[in-house]
Protein backbone atom coordinates (compact mmCIF):
# COMPACT_ATOMS: atom_id res chain seq x y z
CA MET A 1 38.84 67.97 -7.16
CA GLU A 2 40.55 69.81 -10.02
CA THR A 3 40.45 73.61 -10.16
CA VAL A 4 39.82 74.92 -13.66
CA LYS A 5 40.29 78.60 -14.50
CA VAL A 6 37.80 80.05 -16.98
CA PHE A 7 38.79 82.90 -19.30
CA TYR A 8 36.16 84.83 -21.26
CA LEU A 9 36.64 87.02 -24.33
CA CYS A 10 37.24 90.46 -22.83
CA ASP A 11 35.25 93.61 -23.57
CA GLY A 12 38.44 95.64 -22.95
CA SER A 13 36.89 97.64 -20.11
CA VAL A 14 38.28 95.95 -16.98
CA GLU A 15 39.05 98.81 -14.58
CA THR A 16 42.02 97.08 -12.91
CA CYS A 17 43.70 96.14 -16.20
CA LYS A 18 46.84 98.11 -17.02
CA ARG A 19 46.28 97.25 -20.71
CA THR A 20 50.00 96.78 -21.40
CA HIS A 21 49.24 93.63 -23.40
CA CYS A 22 45.59 94.31 -24.31
CA TYR A 23 44.29 93.68 -27.82
CA LYS A 24 42.99 97.26 -27.75
CA GLU A 25 46.62 98.41 -27.55
CA GLY A 26 47.82 95.97 -30.22
CA GLY A 27 48.83 93.26 -27.74
CA PRO A 28 47.92 89.57 -27.62
CA CYS A 29 45.70 89.56 -24.50
CA SER A 30 42.01 89.15 -25.34
CA HIS A 31 40.65 87.24 -22.31
CA THR A 32 39.58 87.98 -18.74
CA GLN A 33 38.53 85.86 -15.78
CA ASN A 34 36.04 88.57 -14.79
CA ASP A 35 32.72 87.36 -16.22
CA ALA A 36 31.24 90.83 -15.71
CA HIS A 37 33.51 91.96 -18.57
CA ALA A 38 32.84 89.04 -20.89
CA LEU A 39 32.34 90.24 -24.44
CA THR A 40 29.58 87.70 -25.09
CA THR A 41 26.64 86.78 -22.89
CA GLY A 42 24.46 83.73 -22.49
CA ASP A 43 25.11 80.02 -22.33
CA SER A 44 26.09 79.50 -25.96
CA LYS A 45 29.79 80.19 -25.33
CA ASP A 46 32.28 77.76 -26.83
CA PHE A 47 35.46 76.96 -24.88
CA VAL A 48 38.72 75.20 -25.58
CA ARG A 49 40.73 73.56 -22.82
CA ILE A 50 44.41 74.47 -22.62
CA GLY A 51 46.12 72.82 -19.67
CA ASP A 52 44.08 73.52 -16.53
CA SER A 53 42.23 76.44 -18.11
CA LEU A 54 39.21 76.97 -20.34
CA PHE A 55 39.41 79.78 -22.89
CA GLU A 56 36.35 81.12 -24.68
CA LYS A 57 36.81 80.72 -28.42
CA GLY A 58 36.63 83.76 -30.61
CA PRO A 59 35.91 83.89 -34.30
CA GLU A 60 38.86 81.83 -35.80
CA GLU A 61 40.83 81.33 -32.58
CA TYR A 62 42.48 78.01 -31.78
CA GLU A 63 41.52 76.44 -35.10
């Protein structure tokens, strides 16, 4: 069985994040695997598969 990693749009408040690449600091990182810090909630999330990972789509990402 294949293991797929899921990355959610991040709220920028993950306590363990050093934020060296965070979008809040001007960096490119905007996703987290911690669903407790997902920016959006509910089942209406839209994902794109990149390799063995699923990334939640943001407004104009990956298009």
